[in-house]
Amino acid sequence: MTEVLERKEPVGSCEIHFMEAGEATGRDIVLLHGMKFQAKTWKDLGTLDVLARAGQHALAIDLPGFGGSPECGSSPGAVLLDFINDRKLEKPVLIGPSMGGRVCLEFCLDNPGIVGGLVLVGAVGVHENRGRLEQINVPTLIIWGGEDAISPIKNGKLLSEMISGSSFRIIDGAPHPCYLDQPETWHNELVSFLEKL
């Protein structure tokens, strides 16, 4: 198993807990989490290990008020921007399931030029951002559970139609957190996408 470092550091006006794996020379990958999960989810699932072994530099963040990060006055998007700038991350690929997917989606729209790629997994907030989706012009992987009852599959199809050149994968039979249900499929799709960047 790859060594996973655990840290808690000031980010803007907040204190953020995060986990880090892989060589700093690899491509920067920033992982957010869903409403019921945290950075540790990516360690427990083996995603940080998979990314590190694939030569990537993975950082999983606890958003304010989740996991080891106390609540603070900054928005998730502001925290993400400070985190990327503080660590001088180079065009990071953002990975976000559900709530984290919305943060990644809106961050990419609000900060064009900073993001190197997007991985959206059962993202919420799709329709709220419908009018802007065509502005996204980074490589994007969209993954949905075939049985997602939280964010309907039509949201994934809308993202796929509106984001030029995106890839859309459905994990058959999987619920909303499809990456937890079928981790091997999730990891294969993720590594395959990153290898093509």
Protein backbone atom coordinates (compact mmCIF):
# COMPACT_ATOMS: atom_id res chain seq x y z
CA MET A 1 0.00 0.00 0.00
CA THR A 2 1.11 3.53 -0.79
CA GLU A 3 1.88 5.84 2.12
CA VAL A 4 -0.97 8.29 2.68
CA LEU A 5 0.05 11.47 4.51
CA GLU A 6 -2.54 13.21 6.67
CA ARG A 7 -2.37 16.95 7.31
CA LYS A 8 -4.33 19.86 8.73
CA GLU A 9 -3.20 23.26 7.48
CA PRO A 10 -4.48 26.84 7.18
CA VAL A 11 -6.18 27.49 3.84
CA GLY A 12 -7.25 31.13 3.53
CA SER A 13 -9.21 31.88 6.70
CA CYS A 14 -10.00 28.19 7.26
CA GLU A 15 -8.21 25.16 8.62
CA ILE A 16 -8.48 22.24 6.23
CA HIS A 17 -7.77 18.55 6.81
CA PHE A 18 -6.55 16.62 3.77
CA MET A 19 -4.81 13.42 2.73
CA GLU A 20 -2.02 13.18 0.19
CA ALA A 21 -0.56 10.25 -1.75
CA GLY A 22 1.84 9.83 -4.66
CA GLU A 23 4.88 11.73 -5.87
CA ALA A 24 4.62 15.51 -6.09
CA THR A 25 6.00 15.25 -9.65
CA GLY A 26 2.85 13.43 -10.82
CA ARG A 27 -0.28 15.09 -12.20
CA ASP A 28 -2.19 16.92 -9.46
CA ILE A 29 -5.56 15.31 -8.67
CA VAL A 30 -7.90 16.91 -6.11
CA LEU A 31 -10.69 14.73 -4.70
CA LEU A 32 -13.75 16.17 -2.96
CA HIS A 33 -16.48 14.12 -1.30
CA GLY A 34 -20.24 13.70 -1.07
CA MET A 35 -22.52 14.95 1.70
CA LYS A 36 -22.24 11.78 3.82
CA PHE A 37 -18.55 11.14 3.17
CA GLN A 38 -15.09 12.64 3.73
CA ALA A 39 -11.48 12.52 2.54
CA LYS A 40 -10.95 9.26 4.44
CA THR A 41 -13.52 7.60 2.15
CA TRP A 42 -11.01 7.80 -0.72
CA LYS A 43 -8.31 6.20 1.44
CA ASP A 44 -10.60 3.40 2.66
CA LEU A 45 -11.83 2.70 -0.87
CA GLY A 46 -8.26 2.45 -2.17
CA THR A 47 -8.64 5.34 -4.65
CA LEU A 48 -5.66 7.26 -3.24
CA ASP A 49 -3.52 4.12 -3.53
CA VAL A 50 -4.71 3.44 -7.09
CA LEU A 51 -3.94 7.02 -8.16
CA ALA A 52 -0.50 7.02 -6.52
CA ARG A 53 0.43 3.71 -8.16
CA ALA A 54 -0.69 5.16 -11.50
CA GLY A 55 1.89 7.95 -11.07
CA GLN A 56 -0.55 10.66 -9.98
CA HIS A 57 -0.27 13.11 -7.08
CA ALA A 58 -3.58 12.78 -5.22
CA LEU A 59 -4.96 15.16 -2.58
CA ALA A 60 -8.29 14.40 -0.88
CA ILE A 61 -9.82 17.36 0.97
CA ASP A 62 -12.37 17.53 3.77
CA LEU A 63 -14.58 20.49 2.90
CA PRO A 64 -15.35 22.90 5.81
CA GLY A 65 -17.68 21.27 8.32
CA PHE A 66 -16.89 17.72 7.15
CA GLY A 67 -14.41 15.10 8.38
CA GLY A 68 -11.46 16.78 10.07
CA SER A 69 -12.13 20.30 8.74
CA PRO A 70 -14.00 22.61 11.13
CA GLU A 71 -16.70 24.88 9.76
CA CYS A 72 -15.53 28.29 8.57
CA GLY A 73 -16.92 31.35 6.83
CA SER A 74 -15.57 30.60 3.34
CA SER A 75 -17.51 28.89 0.57
CA PRO A 76 -16.30 25.48 -0.69
CA GLY A 77 -15.28 27.10 -3.98
CA ALA A 78 -13.20 29.78 -2.21
CA VAL A 79 -11.50 27.12 -0.07
CA LEU A 80 -10.73 25.04 -3.17
CA LEU A 81 -9.22 28.05 -4.94
CA ASP A 82 -7.04 28.91 -1.92
CA PHE A 83 -5.98 25.26 -1.59
CA ILE A 84 -4.92 25.05 -5.26
CA ASN A 85 -3.08 28.38 -5.12
CA ASP A 86 -1.38 27.75 -1.75
CA ARG A 87 0.01 24.43 -2.96
CA LYS A 88 0.84 25.74 -6.44
CA LEU A 89 -1.07 22.88 -8.03
CA GLU A 90 -0.70 22.81 -11.80
CA LYS A 91 -4.00 22.50 -13.73
CA PRO A 92 -5.38 19.90 -11.29
CA VAL A 93 -7.96 17.34 -12.29
CA LEU A 94 -10.97 17.74 -9.95
CA ILE A 95 -12.93 14.68 -8.85
CA GLY A 96 -16.31 15.23 -7.23
CA PRO A 97 -19.19 12.89 -6.40
CA SER A 98 -22.67 14.22 -5.63
CA MET A 99 -22.29 17.45 -3.57
CA GLY A 100 -18.55 17.49 -4.33
CA GLY A 101 -19.47 17.20 -8.02
CA ARG A 102 -21.46 20.40 -7.81
CA VAL A 103 -18.53 22.18 -6.13
CA CYS A 104 -16.16 20.97 -8.89
CA LEU A 105 -18.60 21.87 -11.66
CA GLU A 106 -19.23 25.41 -10.39
CA PHE A 107 -15.54 25.91 -9.58
CA CYS A 108 -14.58 25.02 -13.15
CA LEU A 109 -17.20 27.46 -14.49
CA ASP A 110 -16.14 30.26 -12.14
CA ASN A 111 -12.38 29.76 -12.59
CA PRO A 112 -11.71 28.99 -16.25
CA GLY A 113 -8.08 28.24 -16.97
CA ILE A 114 -7.26 26.79 -13.55
CA VAL A 115 -8.70 23.28 -13.99
CA GLY A 116 -7.02 20.60 -16.11
CA GLY A 117 -9.86 18.07 -16.10
CA LEU A 118 -13.14 17.12 -14.42
CA VAL A 119 -14.52 13.84 -13.11
CA LEU A 120 -18.17 14.20 -12.11
CA VAL A 121 -19.80 11.24 -10.34
CA GLY A 122 -23.58 11.44 -9.84
CA ALA A 123 -23.18 15.22 -9.49
CA VAL A 124 -26.00 17.35 -8.09
CA GLY A 125 -26.68 20.97 -9.08
CA VAL A 126 -26.67 20.12 -12.80
CA HIS A 127 -29.92 21.88 -13.74
CA GLU A 128 -29.06 24.94 -11.65
CA ASN A 129 -25.99 25.40 -13.86
CA ARG A 130 -27.59 24.29 -17.12
CA GLY A 131 -27.21 27.66 -18.84
CA ARG A 132 -23.43 27.64 -18.37
CA LEU A 133 -22.49 24.02 -19.03
CA GLU A 134 -21.41 24.67 -22.61
CA GLN A 135 -18.63 26.91 -21.26
CA ILE A 136 -16.75 23.90 -19.88
CA ASN A 137 -13.89 23.07 -22.22
CA VAL A 138 -11.66 20.72 -20.22
CA PRO A 139 -11.51 16.91 -20.59
CA THR A 140 -14.47 15.61 -18.59
CA LEU A 141 -15.44 12.12 -17.42
CA ILE A 142 -19.06 11.72 -16.29
CA ILE A 143 -19.89 8.60 -14.26
CA TRP A 144 -23.35 7.64 -13.03
CA GLY A 145 -24.87 4.71 -11.20
CA GLY A 146 -27.56 3.08 -13.32
CA GLU A 147 -29.87 3.00 -10.28
CA ASP A 148 -29.09 6.49 -8.92
CA ALA A 149 -32.16 7.67 -7.00
CA ILE A 150 -30.59 10.94 -5.75
CA SER A 151 -29.37 12.58 -8.97
CA PRO A 152 -31.32 11.09 -11.90
CA ILE A 153 -29.42 9.64 -14.82
CA LYS A 154 -30.90 12.36 -17.05
CA ASN A 155 -28.54 14.78 -15.24
CA GLY A 156 -25.58 12.75 -16.46
CA LYS A 157 -27.00 12.72 -19.98
CA LEU A 158 -27.46 16.49 -19.87
CA LEU A 159 -23.83 16.99 -18.80
CA SER A 160 -22.73 14.66 -21.58
CA GLU A 161 -24.73 16.58 -24.19
CA MET A 162 -23.64 20.04 -23.04
CA ILE A 163 -19.92 19.45 -22.32
CA SER A 164 -18.11 19.09 -25.62
CA GLY A 165 -15.93 15.99 -25.95
CA SER A 166 -16.92 14.55 -22.57
CA SER A 167 -17.07 10.79 -21.86
CA PHE A 168 -20.18 9.33 -20.20
CA ARG A 169 -20.12 5.99 -18.38
CA ILE A 170 -23.03 4.29 -16.63
CA ILE A 171 -22.24 1.69 -13.96
CA ASP A 172 -25.14 -0.73 -14.34
CA GLY A 173 -27.05 -1.63 -11.21
CA ALA A 174 -25.11 0.81 -9.02
CA PRO A 175 -26.80 3.32 -6.65
CA HIS A 176 -25.91 7.02 -6.18
CA PRO A 177 -22.43 6.38 -4.66
CA CYS A 178 -21.58 4.07 -7.58
CA TYR A 179 -17.85 4.28 -6.86
CA LEU A 180 -18.43 2.62 -3.47
CA ASP A 181 -20.70 -0.04 -4.97
CA GLN A 182 -18.34 -1.10 -7.76
CA PRO A 183 -14.87 0.24 -6.88
CA GLU A 184 -13.00 -1.88 -9.44
CA THR A 185 -15.09 -0.49 -12.31
CA TRP A 186 -14.71 3.02 -10.88
CA HIS A 187 -10.93 2.74 -10.61
CA ASN A 188 -10.59 1.28 -14.12
CA GLU A 189 -12.64 4.10 -15.65
CA LEU A 190 -10.75 6.76 -13.68
CA VAL A 191 -7.25 5.51 -14.52
CA SER A 192 -8.18 5.02 -18.17
CA PHE A 193 -9.44 8.62 -18.36
CA LEU A 194 -6.32 10.03 -16.68
CA GLU A 195 -3.99 8.06 -18.96
CA LYS A 196 -5.52 9.78 -22.00
CA LEU A 197 -4.94 13.31 -20.68
